[in-house]
Amino acid sequence: MIQIVAAALIWLLVVCLLPGMRRRRDHSVLTAAITISVALTLNIESVYKGIDSLAGGRNFVDLLANVSMVVGIYFLSRAIIRAANPDDTVVKRDNAGIILLAVVIVGLAASFSAIVTQGSSTRFMVDYGDQWSAALYSSIQFVYIGYVVSVTGVTCFRFRGDMLRPYFRTAFTCIGVGCVFAVLLVILVLVMDILHLQGRLDAMRSVSPFYDAAVVAAMTFLCIGLAIPPVARRVLRHRESVTEDELVGSLTKIWEKTTKKRQDVRLVRDTEMSSQQDRAQRLHRMLVEVQDALLVEPGLGGSLDIHDLNVMNAAENYLAGPFVRKVPVRRRRGSGRYDG
């Protein structure tokens, strides 16, 4: 049941990330979400048995799931660190990280090959965790995960206060908390591996409920934190679109009054506004033409009432906002982008 819950949470994150895929230049979070969701899905009993039976019941699905997990954790970490790092060129040159990931994958494959198994098992570590090779197999994966999420969590807590936008601060906080639970999860796994090797199965089982709770908590906070930016951006874009439509409609009447004698420089009235950028550009152009008309013919100002002036003021204030919002969302460091 715990595998189903964890897989469902991460697949929901994938659904949240997909709508903004075309706009994103960096797909690290989406890549991480998909690979981690594949790893968790493969651990669901019915899925595991069905796929592993096709591979001869050799438990290769467990190896595939664990490799997918470490790859997903790597991409997740790079996305978060890239959002916080002020030097994008340094972040992009992650040769050490790639080499470490490759070493971990080779280590997983080598230790897995040394495990003596007897048919397909959906409880791989429970059934074979008394072998040193299985303990090494588990330790390689979780020590790596523990290291990566520790670095990621420290990064989130260190730089969350530098984020200008509240939703980024909230997102980094949630991710940081998720990393704390992930580190706790790693510790619990290592403890269970040691207890299993010692044959203390009752003690190992007593730790298992805490492991389950840590899995759900880690996945919940990580998924919420990663989903906040793309969802918040879509909500903000919708609000901006509604505001721009209202301002364009209100300013059109003023524009008609002030620019009717300047037909040669007026906007094409039937220009279709197919995107938010089109609306913003049209609003800006209309406002500029109104202001130009008032400068050329100051007497036109007498035709404007308080409501018209308020509309112009609102348009000016709104158009100042996007320029502020388009600057990096960090006060001092990094791009603050890992989203959608």
Protein backbone atom coordinates (compact mmCIF):
# COMPACT_ATOMS: atom_id res chain seq x y z
CA MET A 1 0.00 0.00 0.00
CA ILE A 2 2.83 2.38 0.85
CA GLN A 3 4.27 1.96 -2.67
CA ILE A 4 0.93 2.84 -4.24
CA VAL A 5 0.58 6.01 -2.16
CA ALA A 6 4.14 7.14 -2.92
CA ALA A 7 3.77 6.41 -6.65
CA ALA A 8 0.44 8.25 -6.80
CA LEU A 9 1.96 11.35 -5.21
CA ILE A 10 4.84 11.55 -7.66
CA TRP A 11 2.60 10.86 -10.68
CA LEU A 12 0.42 13.78 -9.55
CA LEU A 13 3.55 15.92 -9.63
CA VAL A 14 4.22 14.78 -13.20
CA VAL A 15 0.68 15.83 -14.14
CA CYS A 16 1.31 19.28 -12.61
CA LEU A 17 4.57 19.68 -14.54
CA LEU A 18 3.43 18.52 -17.99
CA PRO A 19 1.33 21.58 -18.98
CA GLY A 20 4.35 23.91 -18.84
CA MET A 21 6.74 21.56 -20.63
CA ARG A 22 6.94 23.59 -23.85
CA ARG A 23 7.77 26.82 -22.05
CA ARG A 24 10.56 25.33 -19.93
CA ARG A 25 14.16 25.30 -21.09
CA ASP A 26 15.24 23.04 -18.24
CA HIS A 27 13.38 19.75 -17.86
CA SER A 28 15.37 18.41 -14.91
CA VAL A 29 12.42 18.38 -12.51
CA LEU A 30 10.16 16.65 -15.03
CA THR A 31 12.87 14.10 -15.79
CA ALA A 32 13.37 13.50 -12.07
CA ALA A 33 9.64 13.16 -11.44
CA ILE A 34 9.17 10.67 -14.26
CA THR A 35 12.15 8.48 -13.34
CA ILE A 36 11.24 8.47 -9.63
CA SER A 37 7.61 7.69 -10.44
CA VAL A 38 8.75 4.79 -12.65
CA ALA A 39 10.92 3.50 -9.79
CA LEU A 40 8.05 3.66 -7.30
CA THR A 41 5.57 2.15 -9.75
CA LEU A 42 7.87 -0.80 -10.40
CA ASN A 43 7.82 -1.52 -6.66
CA ILE A 44 4.04 -2.03 -6.67
CA GLU A 45 3.52 -5.76 -6.18
CA SER A 46 1.31 -6.47 -9.18
CA VAL A 47 3.47 -4.40 -11.52
CA TYR A 48 6.67 -5.96 -10.18
CA LYS A 49 5.44 -9.53 -10.62
CA GLY A 50 4.07 -8.89 -14.09
CA ILE A 51 7.24 -7.32 -15.47
CA ASP A 52 9.68 -9.55 -13.61
CA SER A 53 7.96 -12.67 -14.93
CA LEU A 54 8.80 -11.48 -18.44
CA ALA A 55 12.45 -11.24 -17.40
CA GLY A 56 12.55 -14.81 -16.10
CA GLY A 57 11.83 -14.06 -12.44
CA ARG A 58 15.41 -12.90 -11.79
CA ASN A 59 14.41 -9.74 -9.87
CA PHE A 60 15.93 -7.48 -12.49
CA VAL A 61 12.93 -5.19 -11.91
CA ASP A 62 14.29 -4.38 -8.46
CA LEU A 63 17.61 -3.33 -9.97
CA LEU A 64 15.83 -1.28 -12.64
CA ALA A 65 13.69 0.44 -9.99
CA ASN A 66 16.70 1.32 -7.85
CA VAL A 67 18.71 2.62 -10.81
CA SER A 68 15.72 4.76 -11.84
CA MET A 69 15.48 6.09 -8.29
CA VAL A 70 19.11 7.24 -8.06
CA VAL A 71 18.93 8.79 -11.53
CA GLY A 72 15.75 10.65 -10.56
CA ILE A 73 17.27 11.85 -7.29
CA TYR A 74 20.30 13.15 -9.22
CA PHE A 75 18.19 15.19 -11.65
CA LEU A 76 16.03 16.49 -8.81
CA SER A 77 19.08 17.68 -6.91
CA ARG A 78 20.57 19.38 -9.99
CA ALA A 79 17.32 21.23 -10.65
CA ILE A 80 17.13 22.58 -7.10
CA ILE A 81 20.82 23.51 -6.91
CA ARG A 82 20.60 25.17 -10.35
CA ALA A 83 17.72 27.30 -9.08
CA ALA A 84 19.84 28.51 -6.16
CA ASN A 85 23.30 28.71 -7.72
CA PRO A 86 24.42 32.13 -8.98
CA ASP A 87 26.82 30.65 -11.55
CA ASP A 88 24.95 28.65 -14.17
CA THR A 89 28.15 27.68 -16.00
CA VAL A 90 29.49 25.96 -12.89
CA VAL A 91 26.23 24.11 -12.33
CA LYS A 92 26.11 22.88 -15.92
CA ARG A 93 29.59 21.37 -15.65
CA ASP A 94 28.69 18.66 -13.20
CA ASN A 95 31.28 16.12 -14.26
CA ALA A 96 31.90 14.99 -10.69
CA GLY A 97 28.18 14.39 -10.13
CA ILE A 98 27.85 12.37 -13.34
CA ILE A 99 30.90 10.28 -12.45
CA LEU A 100 29.56 9.62 -8.95
CA LEU A 101 26.17 8.61 -10.36
CA ALA A 102 27.86 6.24 -12.81
CA VAL A 103 29.92 4.69 -10.00
CA VAL A 104 26.75 4.20 -7.93
CA ILE A 105 24.94 2.51 -10.83
CA VAL A 106 27.90 0.19 -11.47
CA GLY A 107 28.05 -0.56 -7.73
CA LEU A 108 24.36 -1.41 -7.68
CA ALA A 109 24.71 -3.73 -10.64
CA ALA A 110 27.81 -5.44 -9.21
CA SER A 111 26.37 -5.98 -5.73
CA PHE A 112 23.03 -7.13 -7.20
CA SER A 113 24.77 -9.76 -9.29
CA ALA A 114 26.31 -11.25 -6.11
CA ILE A 115 22.94 -11.73 -4.37
CA VAL A 116 21.70 -15.32 -4.33
CA THR A 117 17.97 -15.32 -5.10
CA GLN A 118 15.33 -17.98 -5.42
CA GLY A 119 12.68 -16.68 -7.76
CA SER A 120 10.91 -13.36 -8.09
CA SER A 121 10.37 -11.47 -4.82
CA THR A 122 8.27 -8.39 -4.20
CA ARG A 123 9.92 -8.07 -0.77
CA PHE A 124 13.47 -8.19 -2.03
CA MET A 125 15.33 -6.89 1.02
CA VAL A 126 13.06 -8.72 3.45
CA ASP A 127 13.77 -12.02 1.72
CA TYR A 128 17.46 -11.53 0.90
CA GLY A 129 18.60 -8.79 3.27
CA ASP A 130 20.50 -11.29 5.44
CA GLN A 131 23.17 -11.50 2.74
CA TRP A 132 26.11 -9.09 2.86
CA SER A 133 25.83 -8.48 -0.86
CA ALA A 134 22.17 -7.45 -0.44
CA ALA A 135 23.07 -5.16 2.47
CA LEU A 136 25.78 -3.59 0.29
CA TYR A 137 23.30 -3.28 -2.57
CA SER A 138 20.84 -1.38 -0.35
CA SER A 139 23.55 0.70 1.33
CA ILE A 140 25.04 1.93 -1.94
CA GLN A 141 21.66 3.22 -3.06
CA PHE A 142 20.60 4.85 0.17
CA VAL A 143 23.95 6.33 1.14
CA TYR A 144 23.99 8.04 -2.25
CA ILE A 145 20.40 9.22 -1.84
CA GLY A 146 21.19 10.45 1.67
CA TYR A 147 24.18 12.44 0.43
CA VAL A 148 22.28 14.01 -2.47
CA VAL A 149 19.16 14.97 -0.51
CA SER A 150 21.32 16.34 2.33
CA VAL A 151 23.05 18.71 -0.07
CA THR A 152 19.71 19.61 -1.64
CA GLY A 153 18.04 20.23 1.71
CA VAL A 154 20.87 22.45 2.95
CA THR A 155 20.67 24.42 -0.30
CA CYS A 156 16.92 24.95 0.12
CA PHE A 157 17.15 26.17 3.71
CA ARG A 158 20.21 28.28 2.98
CA PHE A 159 18.74 30.21 0.06
CA ARG A 160 14.98 30.16 0.69
CA GLY A 161 15.14 33.61 2.27
CA ASP A 162 16.71 35.05 -0.89
CA MET A 163 13.63 34.30 -2.98
CA LEU A 164 11.60 37.38 -3.88
CA ARG A 165 8.38 35.55 -4.63
CA PRO A 166 6.50 34.08 -1.65
CA TYR A 167 5.56 30.92 -3.51
CA PHE A 168 9.24 30.16 -4.19
CA ARG A 169 10.04 30.61 -0.50
CA THR A 170 7.21 28.24 0.39
CA ALA A 171 8.33 25.75 -2.25
CA PHE A 172 11.93 25.72 -1.06
CA THR A 173 10.76 25.29 2.53
CA CYS A 174 8.60 22.29 1.62
CA ILE A 175 11.41 20.72 -0.40
CA GLY A 176 13.83 21.27 2.48
CA VAL A 177 11.44 19.58 4.92
CA GLY A 178 10.99 16.74 2.42
CA CYS A 179 14.76 16.31 2.29
CA VAL A 180 14.89 16.11 6.10
CA PHE A 181 12.38 13.27 6.03
CA ALA A 182 14.33 11.65 3.19
CA VAL A 183 17.50 11.71 5.28
CA LEU A 184 15.54 10.16 8.17
CA LEU A 185 14.32 7.53 5.71
CA VAL A 186 17.89 6.73 4.69
CA ILE A 187 18.95 6.34 8.34
CA LEU A 188 16.03 3.99 9.00
CA VAL A 189 16.89 1.86 5.98
CA LEU A 190 20.51 1.54 7.05
CA VAL A 191 19.41 0.63 10.58
CA MET A 192 17.08 -2.06 9.20
CA ASP A 193 19.87 -3.42 6.99
CA ILE A 194 22.17 -3.78 10.00
CA LEU A 195 19.46 -5.40 12.13
CA HIS A 196 18.69 -7.84 9.33
CA LEU A 197 22.33 -8.85 9.01
CA GLN A 198 22.43 -9.44 12.76
CA GLY A 199 19.32 -11.61 12.55
CA ARG A 200 17.32 -9.29 14.80
CA LEU A 201 14.17 -9.54 12.70
CA ASP A 202 11.76 -8.44 15.44
CA ALA A 203 13.72 -5.24 15.96
CA MET A 204 13.82 -4.70 12.20
CA ARG A 205 10.05 -5.09 11.94
CA SER A 206 9.54 -2.59 14.77
CA VAL A 207 11.39 0.03 12.72
CA SER A 208 9.31 -0.66 9.60
CA PRO A 209 6.29 1.56 10.54
CA PHE A 210 8.61 4.54 10.98
CA TYR A 211 10.08 3.79 7.57
CA ASP A 212 6.62 3.79 6.00
CA ALA A 213 5.74 7.10 7.66
CA ALA A 214 9.03 8.66 6.53
CA VAL A 215 8.39 7.58 2.92
CA VAL A 216 4.95 9.20 2.83
CA ALA A 217 6.16 12.37 4.59
CA ALA A 218 9.20 12.77 2.32
CA MET A 219 7.23 12.23 -0.87
CA THR A 220 4.40 14.51 0.25
CA PHE A 221 6.61 17.49 1.10
CA LEU A 222 8.84 17.04 -1.95
CA CYS A 223 5.88 16.77 -4.33
CA ILE A 224 4.11 19.77 -2.81
CA GLY A 225 7.27 21.86 -2.95
CA LEU A 226 8.00 20.94 -6.56
CA ALA A 227 4.40 21.46 -7.67
CA ILE A 228 3.96 24.92 -6.10
CA PRO A 229 5.98 26.99 -8.66
CA PRO A 230 4.35 25.72 -11.89
CA VAL A 231 0.85 25.77 -10.39
CA ALA A 232 1.36 29.25 -8.89
CA ARG A 233 2.65 30.55 -12.22
CA ARG A 234 -0.37 29.24 -14.09
CA VAL A 235 -2.69 30.89 -11.56
CA LEU A 236 -0.81 34.19 -11.86
CA ARG A 237 -0.84 34.03 -15.66
CA HIS A 238 -4.61 33.52 -15.60
CA ARG A 239 -5.09 36.47 -13.26
CA GLU A 240 -2.87 38.65 -15.43
CA SER A 241 -4.81 37.66 -18.54
CA VAL A 242 -8.11 38.66 -16.91
CA THR A 243 -6.63 41.97 -15.71
CA GLU A 244 -5.19 42.75 -19.14
CA ASP A 245 -8.50 42.04 -20.87
CA GLU A 246 -10.27 44.41 -18.46
CA LEU A 247 -7.65 47.15 -18.89
CA VAL A 248 -7.65 46.83 -22.69
CA GLY A 249 -11.44 47.13 -22.72
CA SER A 250 -11.45 50.19 -20.45
CA LEU A 251 -8.54 51.91 -22.19
CA THR A 252 -10.02 51.37 -25.66
CA LYS A 253 -12.68 54.06 -25.00
CA ILE A 254 -10.04 56.57 -23.94
CA TRP A 255 -7.86 55.63 -26.89
CA GLU A 256 -10.80 56.18 -29.27
CA LYS A 257 -11.39 59.69 -27.91
CA THR A 258 -7.79 60.85 -27.88
CA THR A 259 -6.38 59.32 -31.08
CA LYS A 260 -9.31 59.71 -33.50
CA LYS A 261 -7.47 62.53 -35.31
CA ARG A 262 -4.26 60.48 -35.58
CA GLN A 263 -5.48 57.58 -37.73
CA ASP A 264 -2.08 57.09 -39.38
CA VAL A 265 -0.38 55.95 -36.17
CA ARG A 266 -3.27 54.13 -34.52
CA LEU A 267 -3.35 50.44 -33.70
CA VAL A 268 -5.01 48.08 -36.15
CA ARG A 269 -8.33 47.65 -34.41
CA ASP A 270 -8.98 44.06 -35.43
CA THR A 271 -5.58 42.71 -34.50
CA GLU A 272 -6.15 39.37 -32.85
CA MET A 273 -4.64 39.00 -29.40
CA SER A 274 -3.60 35.36 -29.43
CA SER A 275 -1.42 35.35 -26.33
CA GLN A 276 -0.83 37.13 -23.06
CA GLN A 277 2.17 38.85 -24.60
CA ASP A 278 -0.06 40.19 -27.40
CA ARG A 279 -2.46 41.64 -24.83
CA ALA A 280 0.32 43.25 -22.85
CA GLN A 281 1.88 44.73 -25.99
CA ARG A 282 -1.46 46.06 -27.19
CA LEU A 283 -2.15 47.62 -23.81
CA HIS A 284 1.28 49.25 -23.81
CA ARG A 285 0.88 50.53 -27.37
CA MET A 286 -2.56 51.99 -26.65
CA LEU A 287 -1.32 53.75 -23.53
CA VAL A 288 1.67 55.21 -25.38
CA GLU A 289 -0.57 56.49 -28.18
CA VAL A 290 -2.94 58.09 -25.68
CA GLN A 291 -0.06 59.80 -23.90
CA ASP A 292 1.45 60.95 -27.20
CA ALA A 293 -1.89 62.40 -28.27
CA LEU A 294 -2.19 64.31 -24.99
CA LEU A 295 1.32 65.71 -25.44
CA VAL A 296 0.65 66.81 -29.01
CA GLU A 297 -2.78 68.24 -28.18
CA PRO A 298 -2.91 69.17 -24.46
CA GLY A 299 -6.50 70.35 -24.92
CA LEU A 300 -7.60 66.71 -25.23
CA GLY A 301 -7.00 66.35 -21.52
CA GLY A 302 -10.23 68.22 -20.90
CA SER A 303 -12.19 65.35 -22.47
CA LEU A 304 -10.97 62.92 -19.84
CA ASP A 305 -12.82 62.52 -16.56
CA ILE A 306 -11.62 61.09 -13.25
CA HIS A 307 -12.55 57.57 -14.29
CA ASP A 308 -10.45 57.86 -17.46
CA LEU A 309 -7.46 59.12 -15.49
CA ASN A 310 -7.83 56.26 -13.03
CA VAL A 311 -7.88 53.76 -15.89
CA MET A 312 -4.70 55.23 -17.35
CA ASN A 313 -3.04 55.19 -13.94
CA ALA A 314 -4.05 51.55 -13.43
CA ALA A 315 -2.65 50.62 -16.85
CA GLU A 316 0.63 52.38 -16.08
CA ASN A 317 0.95 50.62 -12.72
CA TYR A 318 0.13 47.25 -14.24
CA LEU A 319 2.65 47.63 -17.07
CA ALA A 320 5.34 48.48 -14.53
CA GLY A 321 4.66 45.14 -12.82
CA PRO A 322 5.69 42.71 -15.58
CA PHE A 323 9.10 44.36 -15.88
CA VAL A 324 9.62 43.89 -12.18
CA ARG A 325 8.36 40.32 -12.39
CA LYS A 326 10.63 39.47 -15.31
CA VAL A 327 13.86 40.16 -13.43
CA PRO A 328 15.46 37.18 -11.66
CA VAL A 329 13.33 36.10 -8.75
CA ARG A 330 16.31 36.00 -6.42
CA ARG A 331 17.53 39.04 -4.50
CA ARG A 332 21.17 38.07 -4.72
CA ARG A 333 21.77 34.57 -6.06
CA GLY A 334 20.69 32.12 -8.70
CA SER A 335 17.89 31.95 -11.21
CA GLY A 336 15.15 30.74 -8.88
CA ARG A 337 13.66 28.65 -11.71
CA TYR A 338 12.93 24.97 -11.58
CA ASP A 339 9.49 24.79 -12.74
CA GLY A 340 6.86 25.31 -15.23
